């Protein structure tokens, strides 16, 4: 069974047992989270929501919270003496999909 759900303004296509990285959630490690905003479910038959599938849920277990690798943001205006260097680490939550239910 496959589902497409929304969290953090992004859409994810998942199956049971998948491990994915999503935008940071408020849940701690080993907690269970439920995503209600399911756009489509593909099993024996295809169900597409308008805009969401009624009663469909994706349940996942939080494995860990962390930060991704550092990205360097460098701004420069040539010949003007303007240089700015800044680092950024995006926070994420690593989850494992447990069940997809209708």
PDB file of N, CA and C in Angstrom:
ATOM      1  N   UNK A   1       0.839  -1.172   0.000  1.00  0.00           N
ATOM      2  CA  UNK A   1       0.000   0.000   0.000  1.00  0.00           C
ATOM      3  C   UNK A   1       0.889   1.243   0.000  1.00  0.00           C
ATOM      4  N   UNK A   2       0.552   2.204  -0.820  1.00  0.00           N
ATOM      5  CA  UNK A   2       1.321   3.429  -0.974  1.00  0.00           C
ATOM      6  C   UNK A   2       0.429   4.627  -0.705  1.00  0.00           C
ATOM      7  N   UNK A   3       1.010   5.684  -0.135  1.00  0.00           N
ATOM      8  CA  UNK A   3       0.238   6.891   0.138  1.00  0.00           C
ATOM      9  C   UNK A   3       1.071   8.120  -0.161  1.00  0.00           C
ATOM     10  N   UNK A   4       0.377   9.216  -0.461  1.00  0.00           N
ATOM     11  CA  UNK A   4       1.013  10.524  -0.627  1.00  0.00           C
ATOM     12  C   UNK A   4       0.411  11.425   0.447  1.00  0.00           C
ATOM     13  N   UNK A   5       1.277  11.985   1.311  1.00  0.00           N
ATOM     14  CA  UNK A   5       0.792  12.863   2.374  1.00  0.00           C
ATOM     15  C   UNK A   5       1.592  14.152   2.409  1.00  0.00           C
ATOM     16  N   UNK A   6       1.066  15.134   3.145  1.00  0.00           N
ATOM     17  CA  UNK A   6       1.682  16.459   3.217  1.00  0.00           C
ATOM     18  C   UNK A   6       2.108  16.733   4.648  1.00  0.00           C
ATOM     19  N   UNK A   7       3.330  17.216   4.822  1.00  0.00           N
ATOM     20  CA  UNK A   7       3.804  17.731   6.100  1.00  0.00           C
ATOM     21  C   UNK A   7       4.915  18.736   5.820  1.00  0.00           C
ATOM     22  N   UNK A   8       4.902  19.817   6.560  1.00  0.00           N
ATOM     23  CA  UNK A   8       5.927  20.842   6.384  1.00  0.00           C
ATOM     24  C   UNK A   8       5.886  21.510   5.032  1.00  0.00           C
ATOM     25  N   UNK A   9       4.709  21.529   4.381  1.00  0.00           N
ATOM     26  CA  UNK A   9       4.582  22.175   3.078  1.00  0.00           C
ATOM     27  C   UNK A   9       5.126  21.348   1.928  1.00  0.00           C
ATOM     28  N   UNK A  10       5.472  20.093   2.186  1.00  0.00           N
ATOM     29  CA  UNK A  10       6.014  19.227   1.144  1.00  0.00           C
ATOM     30  C   UNK A  10       5.204  17.938   1.067  1.00  0.00           C
ATOM     31  N   UNK A  11       5.214  17.313  -0.092  1.00  0.00           N
ATOM     32  CA  UNK A  11       4.484  16.072  -0.299  1.00  0.00           C
ATOM     33  C   UNK A  11       5.463  14.905  -0.366  1.00  0.00           C
ATOM     34  N   UNK A  12       5.094  13.793   0.276  1.00  0.00           N
ATOM     35  CA  UNK A  12       5.950  12.620   0.333  1.00  0.00           C
ATOM     36  C   UNK A  12       5.168  11.396  -0.119  1.00  0.00           C
ATOM     37  N   UNK A  13       5.773  10.574  -0.980  1.00  0.00           N
ATOM     38  CA  UNK A  13       5.179   9.311  -1.412  1.00  0.00           C
ATOM     39  C   UNK A  13       5.861   8.211  -0.619  1.00  0.00           C
ATOM     40  N   UNK A  14       5.080   7.448   0.158  1.00  0.00           N
ATOM     41  CA  UNK A  14       5.648   6.468   1.067  1.00  0.00           C
ATOM     42  C   UNK A  14       4.902   5.140   1.000  1.00  0.00           C
ATOM     43  N   UNK A  15       5.577   4.095   1.419  1.00  0.00           N
ATOM     44  CA  UNK A  15       4.997   2.775   1.628  1.00  0.00           C
ATOM     45  C   UNK A  15       5.286   2.383   3.071  1.00  0.00           C
ATOM     46  N   UNK A  16       4.651   1.332   3.552  1.00  0.00           N
ATOM     47  CA  UNK A  16       4.891   0.876   4.914  1.00  0.00           C
ATOM     48  C   UNK A  16       6.334   0.395   5.048  1.00  0.00           C
ATOM     49  N   UNK A  17       6.999   0.827   6.108  1.00  0.00           N
ATOM     50  CA  UNK A  17       8.384   0.444   6.352  1.00  0.00           C
ATOM     51  C   UNK A  17       9.415   1.434   5.835  1.00  0.00           C
ATOM     52  N   UNK A  18       9.007   2.434   5.061  1.00  0.00           N
ATOM     53  CA  UNK A  18       9.945   3.427   4.532  1.00  0.00           C
ATOM     54  C   UNK A  18      10.496   4.300   5.654  1.00  0.00           C
ATOM     55  N   UNK A  19      11.750   4.741   5.499  1.00  0.00           N
ATOM     56  CA  UNK A  19      12.374   5.690   6.410  1.00  0.00           C
ATOM     57  C   UNK A  19      12.663   6.947   5.608  1.00  0.00           C
ATOM     58  N   UNK A  20      12.104   8.089   6.060  1.00  0.00           N
ATOM     59  CA  UNK A  20      12.274   9.344   5.329  1.00  0.00           C
ATOM     60  C   UNK A  20      12.649  10.472   6.286  1.00  0.00           C
ATOM     61  N   UNK A  21      13.177  11.548   5.717  1.00  0.00           N
ATOM     62  CA  UNK A  21      13.500  12.755   6.464  1.00  0.00           C
ATOM     63  C   UNK A  21      12.463  13.815   6.104  1.00  0.00           C
ATOM     64  N   UNK A  22      11.797  14.396   7.119  1.00  0.00           N
ATOM     65  CA  UNK A  22      10.796  15.435   6.901  1.00  0.00           C
ATOM     66  C   UNK A  22      11.224  16.688   7.655  1.00  0.00           C
ATOM     67  N   UNK A  23      10.528  17.789   7.401  1.00  0.00           N
ATOM     68  CA  UNK A  23      10.796  19.014   8.145  1.00  0.00           C
ATOM     69  C   UNK A  23      10.556  18.759   9.633  1.00  0.00           C
ATOM     70  N   UNK A  24      11.268  19.482  10.482  1.00  0.00           N
ATOM     71  CA  UNK A  24      11.253  19.212  11.925  1.00  0.00           C
ATOM     72  C   UNK A  24       9.841  19.204  12.504  1.00  0.00           C
ATOM     73  N   UNK A  25       9.559  18.137  13.279  1.00  0.00           N
ATOM     74  CA  UNK A  25       8.297  17.991  13.993  1.00  0.00           C
ATOM     75  C   UNK A  25       8.542  18.222  15.485  1.00  0.00           C
ATOM     76  N   UNK A  26       7.470  18.490  16.234  1.00  0.00           N
ATOM     77  CA  UNK A  26       7.623  18.746  17.666  1.00  0.00           C
ATOM     78  C   UNK A  26       7.754  17.462  18.484  1.00  0.00           C
ATOM     79  N   UNK A  27       7.574  16.304  17.881  1.00  0.00           N
ATOM     80  CA  UNK A  27       7.630  15.021  18.591  1.00  0.00           C
ATOM     81  C   UNK A  27       9.069  14.639  18.930  1.00  0.00           C
ATOM     82  N   UNK A  28       9.214  13.947  20.048  1.00  0.00           N
ATOM     83  CA  UNK A  28      10.522  13.451  20.474  1.00  0.00           C
ATOM     84  C   UNK A  28      10.763  12.067  19.871  1.00  0.00           C
ATOM     85  N   UNK A  29      11.997  11.557  20.029  1.00  0.00           N
ATOM     86  CA  UNK A  29      12.346  10.230  19.517  1.00  0.00           C
ATOM     87  C   UNK A  29      11.496   9.155  20.185  1.00  0.00           C
ATOM     88  N   UNK A  30      11.159   8.116  19.428  1.00  0.00           N
ATOM     89  CA  UNK A  30      10.352   6.970  19.859  1.00  0.00           C
ATOM     90  C   UNK A  30       8.867   7.304  20.038  1.00  0.00           C
ATOM     91  N   UNK A  31       8.441   8.507  19.724  1.00  0.00           N
ATOM     92  CA  UNK A  31       7.013   8.842  19.776  1.00  0.00           C
ATOM     93  C   UNK A  31       6.352   8.448  18.460  1.00  0.00           C
ATOM     94  N   UNK A  32       5.037   8.346  18.478  1.00  0.00           N
ATOM     95  CA  UNK A  32       4.273   8.033  17.280  1.00  0.00           C
ATOM     96  C   UNK A  32       3.550   9.292  16.814  1.00  0.00           C
ATOM     97  N   UNK A  33       3.614   9.570  15.513  1.00  0.00           N
ATOM     98  CA  UNK A  33       2.917  10.719  14.939  1.00  0.00           C
ATOM     99  C   UNK A  33       1.939  10.213  13.886  1.00  0.00           C
ATOM    100  N   UNK A  34       0.837  10.946  13.713  1.00  0.00           N
ATOM    101  CA  UNK A  34      -0.187  10.586  12.739  1.00  0.00           C
ATOM    102  C   UNK A  34      -0.352  11.750  11.772  1.00  0.00           C
ATOM    103  N   UNK A  35      -0.287  11.447  10.488  1.00  0.00           N
ATOM    104  CA  UNK A  35      -0.489  12.454   9.444  1.00  0.00           C
ATOM    105  C   UNK A  35      -1.879  12.239   8.854  1.00  0.00           C
ATOM    106  N   UNK A  36      -2.758  13.246   9.008  1.00  0.00           N
ATOM    107  CA  UNK A  36      -4.146  13.149   8.544  1.00  0.00           C
ATOM    108  C   UNK A  36      -4.332  13.693   7.141  1.00  0.00           C
ATOM    109  N   UNK A  37      -3.412  14.509   6.684  1.00  0.00           N
ATOM    110  CA  UNK A  37      -3.558  15.167   5.382  1.00  0.00           C
ATOM    111  C   UNK A  37      -3.007  14.254   4.276  1.00  0.00           C
ATOM    112  N   UNK A  38      -3.779  13.243   3.902  1.00  0.00           N
ATOM    113  CA  UNK A  38      -3.374  12.249   2.907  1.00  0.00           C
ATOM    114  C   UNK A  38      -4.047  12.600   1.583  1.00  0.00           C
ATOM    115  N   UNK A  39      -3.246  12.804   0.551  1.00  0.00           N
ATOM    116  CA  UNK A  39      -3.758  13.224  -0.749  1.00  0.00           C
ATOM    117  C   UNK A  39      -4.207  12.057  -1.610  1.00  0.00           C
ATOM    118  N   UNK A  40      -3.528  10.909  -1.504  1.00  0.00           N
ATOM    119  CA  UNK A  40      -3.878   9.748  -2.327  1.00  0.00           C
ATOM    120  C   UNK A  40      -3.430   8.474  -1.629  1.00  0.00           C
ATOM    121  N   UNK A  41      -4.183   7.404  -1.873  1.00  0.00           N
ATOM    122  CA  UNK A  41      -3.841   6.079  -1.346  1.00  0.00           C
ATOM    123  C   UNK A  41      -3.967   5.088  -2.491  1.00  0.00           C
ATOM    124  N   UNK A  42      -2.914   4.283  -2.699  1.00  0.00           N
ATOM    125  CA  UNK A  42      -2.914   3.272  -3.754  1.00  0.00           C
ATOM    126  C   UNK A  42      -2.750   1.919  -3.088  1.00  0.00           C
ATOM    127  N   UNK A  43      -3.757   1.091  -3.218  1.00  0.00           N
ATOM    128  CA  UNK A  43      -3.723  -0.272  -2.695  1.00  0.00           C
ATOM    129  C   UNK A  43      -4.284  -1.182  -3.766  1.00  0.00           C
ATOM    130  N   UNK A  44      -5.355  -1.922  -3.433  1.00  0.00           N
ATOM    131  CA  UNK A  44      -6.049  -2.710  -4.442  1.00  0.00           C
ATOM    132  C   UNK A  44      -6.734  -1.784  -5.458  1.00  0.00           C
ATOM    133  N   UNK A  45      -7.146  -0.623  -4.971  1.00  0.00           N
ATOM    134  CA  UNK A  45      -7.741   0.387  -5.852  1.00  0.00           C
ATOM    135  C   UNK A  45      -7.128   1.739  -5.511  1.00  0.00           C
ATOM    136  N   UNK A  46      -7.235   2.675  -6.427  1.00  0.00           N
ATOM    137  CA  UNK A  46      -6.656   4.002  -6.254  1.00  0.00           C
ATOM    138  C   UNK A  46      -7.720   4.942  -5.704  1.00  0.00           C
ATOM    139  N   UNK A  47      -7.383   5.648  -4.616  1.00  0.00           N
ATOM    140  CA  UNK A  47      -8.274   6.657  -4.061  1.00  0.00           C
ATOM    141  C   UNK A  47      -7.543   7.980  -4.043  1.00  0.00           C
ATOM    142  N   UNK A  48      -8.110   8.966  -4.717  1.00  0.00           N
ATOM    143  CA  UNK A  48      -7.517  10.294  -4.790  1.00  0.00           C
ATOM    144  C   UNK A  48      -8.468  11.263  -4.107  1.00  0.00           C
ATOM    145  N   UNK A  49      -7.939  12.083  -3.216  1.00  0.00           N
ATOM    146  CA  UNK A  49      -8.762  12.996  -2.446  1.00  0.00           C
ATOM    147  C   UNK A  49      -9.078  14.276  -3.193  1.00  0.00           C
ATOM    148  N   UNK A  50     -10.122  14.955  -2.700  1.00  0.00           N
ATOM    149  CA  UNK A  50     -10.522  16.242  -3.266  1.00  0.00           C
ATOM    150  C   UNK A  50     -10.694  17.243  -2.143  1.00  0.00           C
ATOM    151  N   UNK A  51      -9.708  17.807  -1.517  1.00  0.00           N
ATOM    152  CA  UNK A  51      -8.276  17.654  -1.739  1.00  0.00           C
ATOM    153  C   UNK A  51      -7.632  16.512  -0.940  1.00  0.00           C
ATOM    154  N   UNK A  52      -8.310  15.997   0.115  1.00  0.00           N
ATOM    155  CA  UNK A  52      -7.718  14.916   0.904  1.00  0.00           C
ATOM    156  C   UNK A  52      -8.663  13.720   0.925  1.00  0.00           C
ATOM    157  N   UNK A  53      -8.095  12.543   1.191  1.00  0.00           N
ATOM    158  CA  UNK A  53      -8.891  11.319   1.298  1.00  0.00           C
ATOM    159  C   UNK A  53      -9.496  11.278   2.703  1.00  0.00           C
ATOM    160  N   UNK A  54     -10.821  11.199   2.780  1.00  0.00           N
ATOM    161  CA  UNK A  54     -11.500  11.201   4.071  1.00  0.00           C
ATOM    162  C   UNK A  54     -11.186   9.924   4.855  1.00  0.00           C
ATOM    163  N   UNK A  55     -10.776  10.101   6.122  1.00  0.00           N
ATOM    164  CA  UNK A  55     -10.520   8.966   7.000  1.00  0.00           C
ATOM    165  C   UNK A  55      -9.178   8.288   6.807  1.00  0.00           C
ATOM    166  N   UNK A  56      -8.382   8.718   5.859  1.00  0.00           N
ATOM    167  CA  UNK A  56      -7.078   8.089   5.627  1.00  0.00           C
ATOM    168  C   UNK A  56      -6.044   8.678   6.586  1.00  0.00           C
ATOM    169  N   UNK A  57      -5.162   7.820   7.092  1.00  0.00           N
ATOM    170  CA  UNK A  57      -4.120   8.239   8.026  1.00  0.00           C
ATOM    171  C   UNK A  57      -2.824   7.517   7.718  1.00  0.00           C
ATOM    172  N   UNK A  58      -1.732   8.205   7.941  1.00  0.00           N
ATOM    173  CA  UNK A  58      -0.403   7.600   7.856  1.00  0.00           C
ATOM    174  C   UNK A  58       0.198   7.707   9.254  1.00  0.00           C
ATOM    175  N   UNK A  59       0.554   6.567   9.848  1.00  0.00           N
ATOM    176  CA  UNK A  59       1.128   6.537  11.186  1.00  0.00           C
ATOM    177  C   UNK A  59       2.619   6.249  11.059  1.00  0.00           C
ATOM    178  N   UNK A  60       3.422   7.030  11.797  1.00  0.00           N
ATOM    179  CA  UNK A  60       4.875   6.876  11.716  1.00  0.00           C
ATOM    180  C   UNK A  60       5.492   6.976  13.106  1.00  0.00           C
ATOM    181  N   UNK A  61       6.677   6.386  13.244  1.00  0.00           N
ATOM    182  CA  UNK A  61       7.430   6.452  14.494  1.00  0.00           C
ATOM    183  C   UNK A  61       8.632   7.356  14.274  1.00  0.00           C
ATOM    184  N   UNK A  62       8.850   8.291  15.198  1.00  0.00           N
ATOM    185  CA  UNK A  62       9.984   9.211  15.108  1.00  0.00           C
ATOM    186  C   UNK A  62      11.241   8.466  15.537  1.00  0.00           C
ATOM    187  N   UNK A  63      12.232   8.433  14.654  1.00  0.00           N
ATOM    188  CA  UNK A  63      13.492   7.767  14.981  1.00  0.00           C
ATOM    189  C   UNK A  63      14.470   8.729  15.651  1.00  0.00           C
ATOM    190  N   UNK A  64      14.590   9.948  15.089  1.00  0.00           N
ATOM    191  CA  UNK A  64      15.462  10.942  15.715  1.00  0.00           C
ATOM    192  C   UNK A  64      15.217  12.319  15.115  1.00  0.00           C
ATOM    193  N   UNK A  65      15.629  13.332  15.857  1.00  0.00           N
ATOM    194  CA  UNK A  65      15.633  14.711  15.381  1.00  0.00           C
ATOM    195  C   UNK A  65      17.088  15.122  15.214  1.00  0.00           C
ATOM    196  N   UNK A  66      17.367  15.938  14.227  1.00  0.00           N
ATOM    197  CA  UNK A  66      18.748  16.352  14.011  1.00  0.00           C
ATOM    198  C   UNK A  66      18.835  17.537  13.080  1.00  0.00           C
ATOM    199  N   UNK A  67      20.067  17.824  12.672  1.00  0.00           N
ATOM    200  CA  UNK A  67      20.324  18.904  11.728  1.00  0.00           C
ATOM    201  C   UNK A  67      21.117  18.342  10.553  1.00  0.00           C
ATOM    202  N   UNK A  68      20.830  18.853   9.350  1.00  0.00           N
ATOM    203  CA  UNK A  68      21.545  18.391   8.171  1.00  0.00           C
ATOM    204  C   UNK A  68      22.928  19.031   8.118  1.00  0.00           C
ATOM    205  N   UNK A  69      23.692  18.684   7.097  1.00  0.00           N
ATOM    206  CA  UNK A  69      25.030  19.232   6.949  1.00  0.00           C
ATOM    207  C   UNK A  69      24.967  20.735   6.699  1.00  0.00           C
ATOM    208  N   UNK A  70      26.040  21.422   7.046  1.00  0.00           N
ATOM    209  CA  UNK A  70      26.072  22.873   6.923  1.00  0.00           C
ATOM    210  C   UNK A  70      26.161  23.303   5.459  1.00  0.00           C
ATOM    211  N   UNK A  71      25.351  24.291   5.125  1.00  0.00           N
ATOM    212  CA  UNK A  71      25.376  24.910   3.807  1.00  0.00           C
ATOM    213  C   UNK A  71      25.939  26.316   3.982  1.00  0.00           C
ATOM    214  N   UNK A  72      26.933  26.673   3.191  1.00  0.00           N
ATOM    215  CA  UNK A  72      27.551  27.990   3.275  1.00  0.00           C
ATOM    216  C   UNK A  72      26.830  28.952   2.331  1.00  0.00           C
ATOM    217  N   UNK A  73      26.386  30.086   2.880  1.00  0.00           N
ATOM    218  CA  UNK A  73      25.752  31.140   2.085  1.00  0.00           C
ATOM    219  C   UNK A  73      26.769  32.263   1.991  1.00  0.00           C
ATOM    220  N   UNK A  74      27.242  32.554   0.784  1.00  0.00           N
ATOM    221  CA  UNK A  74      28.280  33.567   0.576  1.00  0.00           C
ATOM    222  C   UNK A  74      27.757  34.623  -0.369  1.00  0.00           C
ATOM    223  N   UNK A  75      27.731  35.866   0.099  1.00  0.00           N
ATOM    224  CA  UNK A  75      27.279  36.982  -0.725  1.00  0.00           C
ATOM    225  C   UNK A  75      28.461  37.901  -0.992  1.00  0.00           C
ATOM    226  N   UNK A  76      28.543  38.380  -2.234  1.00  0.00           N
ATOM    227  CA  UNK A  76      29.664  39.241  -2.588  1.00  0.00           C
ATOM    228  C   UNK A  76      29.255  40.210  -3.686  1.00  0.00           C
ATOM    229  N   UNK A  77      29.645  41.460  -3.525  1.00  0.00           N
ATOM    230  CA  UNK A  77      29.506  42.439  -4.596  1.00  0.00           C
ATOM    231  C   UNK A  77      30.915  42.789  -5.044  1.00  0.00           C
ATOM    232  N   UNK A  78      31.300  42.389  -6.241  1.00  0.00           N
ATOM    233  CA  UNK A  78      32.682  42.614  -6.664  1.00  0.00           C
ATOM    234  C   UNK A  78      33.032  44.107  -6.742  1.00  0.00           C
ATOM    235  N   UNK A  79      34.258  44.427  -6.390  1.00  0.00           N
ATOM    236  CA  UNK A  79      34.828  45.771  -6.445  1.00  0.00           C
ATOM    237  C   UNK A  79      34.212  46.736  -5.438  1.00  0.00           C
ATOM    238  N   UNK A  80      33.371  46.264  -4.527  1.00  0.00           N
ATOM    239  CA  UNK A  80      32.703  47.140  -3.564  1.00  0.00           C
ATOM    240  C   UNK A  80      33.125  46.847  -2.123  1.00  0.00           C
ATOM    241  N   UNK A  81      33.863  45.793  -1.900  1.00  0.00           N
ATOM    242  CA  UNK A  81      34.282  45.449  -0.552  1.00  0.00           C
ATOM    243  C   UNK A  81      33.166  44.824   0.285  1.00  0.00           C
ATOM    244  N   UNK A  82      32.148  44.283  -0.371  1.00  0.00           N
ATOM    245  CA  UNK A  82      31.020  43.671   0.337  1.00  0.00           C
ATOM    246  C   UNK A  82      31.143  42.163   0.277  1.00  0.00           C
ATOM    247  N   UNK A  83      31.379  41.557   1.442  1.00  0.00           N
ATOM    248  CA  UNK A  83      31.459  40.117   1.522  1.00  0.00           C
ATOM    249  C   UNK A  83      30.776  39.667   2.804  1.00  0.00           C
ATOM    250  N   UNK A  84      29.868  38.695   2.698  1.00  0.00           N
ATOM    251  CA  UNK A  84      29.169  38.157   3.852  1.00  0.00           C
ATOM    252  C   UNK A  84      29.183  36.627   3.760  1.00  0.00           C
ATOM    253  N   UNK A  85      29.605  35.970   4.818  1.00  0.00           N
ATOM    254  CA  UNK A  85      29.626  34.517   4.856  1.00  0.00           C
ATOM    255  C   UNK A  85      28.751  34.064   6.023  1.00  0.00           C
ATOM    256  N   UNK A  86      27.839  33.142   5.721  1.00  0.00           N
ATOM    257  CA  UNK A  86      26.901  32.677   6.728  1.00  0.00           C
ATOM    258  C   UNK A  86      26.678  31.184   6.531  1.00  0.00           C
ATOM    259  N   UNK A  87      26.565  30.447   7.614  1.00  0.00           N
ATOM    260  CA  UNK A  87      26.278  29.018   7.553  1.00  0.00           C
ATOM    261  C   UNK A  87      24.844  28.748   7.962  1.00  0.00           C
ATOM    262  N   UNK A  88      24.283  27.645   7.447  1.00  0.00           N
ATOM    263  CA  UNK A  88      22.913  27.263   7.789  1.00  0.00           C
ATOM    264  C   UNK A  88      22.816  25.749   7.886  1.00  0.00           C
ATOM    265  N   UNK A  89      22.175  25.252   8.957  1.00  0.00           N
ATOM    266  CA  UNK A  89      21.904  23.820   9.122  1.00  0.00           C
ATOM    267  C   UNK A  89      20.407  23.652   9.313  1.00  0.00           C
ATOM    268  N   UNK A  90      19.763  22.986   8.356  1.00  0.00           N
ATOM    269  CA  UNK A  90      18.317  22.806   8.391  1.00  0.00           C
ATOM    270  C   UNK A  90      17.945  21.685   9.359  1.00  0.00           C
ATOM    271  N   UNK A  91      17.054  21.944  10.320  1.00  0.00           N
ATOM    272  CA  UNK A  91      16.621  20.868  11.209  1.00  0.00           C
ATOM    273  C   UNK A  91      15.684  19.896  10.505  1.00  0.00           C
ATOM    274  N   UNK A  92      15.750  18.616  10.895  1.00  0.00           N
ATOM    275  CA  UNK A  92      14.905  17.597  10.281  1.00  0.00           C
ATOM    276  C   UNK A  92      14.441  16.603  11.337  1.00  0.00           C
ATOM    277  N   UNK A  93      13.468  15.787  10.966  1.00  0.00           N
ATOM    278  CA  UNK A  93      13.008  14.664  11.780  1.00  0.00           C
ATOM    279  C   UNK A  93      13.045  13.423  10.904  1.00  0.00           C
ATOM    280  N   UNK A  94      13.691  12.377  11.392  1.00  0.00           N
ATOM    281  CA  UNK A  94      13.770  11.108  10.672  1.00  0.00           C
ATOM    282  C   UNK A  94      12.642  10.220  11.182  1.00  0.00           C
ATOM    283  N   UNK A  95      11.754   9.772  10.259  1.00  0.00           N
ATOM    284  CA  UNK A  95      10.610   8.959  10.671  1.00  0.00           C
ATOM    285  C   UNK A  95      10.579   7.654   9.887  1.00  0.00           C
ATOM    286  N   UNK A  96       9.937   6.641  10.483  1.00  0.00           N
ATOM    287  CA  UNK A  96       9.711   5.366   9.824  1.00  0.00           C
ATOM    288  C   UNK A  96       8.204   5.158   9.731  1.00  0.00           C
ATOM    289  N   UNK A  97       7.713   4.889   8.525  1.00  0.00           N
ATOM    290  CA  UNK A  97       6.289   4.700   8.285  1.00  0.00           C
ATOM    291  C   UNK A  97       5.883   3.322   8.822  1.00  0.00           C
ATOM    292  N   UNK A  98       4.871   3.306   9.703  1.00  0.00           N
ATOM    293  CA  UNK A  98       4.416   2.046  10.279  1.00  0.00           C
ATOM    294  C   UNK A  98       3.164   1.518   9.571  1.00  0.00           C
ATOM    295  N   UNK A  99       2.110   2.334   9.498  1.00  0.00           N
ATOM    296  CA  UNK A  99       0.875   1.869   8.866  1.00  0.00           C
ATOM    297  C   UNK A  99       0.249   2.949   8.005  1.00  0.00           C
ATOM    298  N   UNK A 100      -0.462   2.490   6.972  1.00  0.00           N
ATOM    299  CA  UNK A 100      -1.278   3.357   6.132  1.00  0.00           C
ATOM    300  C   UNK A 100      -2.698   2.786   6.220  1.00  0.00           C
ATOM    301  N   UNK A 101      -3.621   3.588   6.735  1.00  0.00           N
ATOM    302  CA  UNK A 101      -4.979   3.068   6.949  1.00  0.00           C
ATOM    303  C   UNK A 101      -6.007   3.975   6.288  1.00  0.00           C
ATOM    304  N   UNK A 102      -7.131   3.377   5.936  1.00  0.00           N
ATOM    305  CA  UNK A 102      -8.232   4.121   5.319  1.00  0.00           C
ATOM    306  C   UNK A 102      -9.337   4.357   6.322  1.00  0.00           C
TER     307      UNK A 102
END
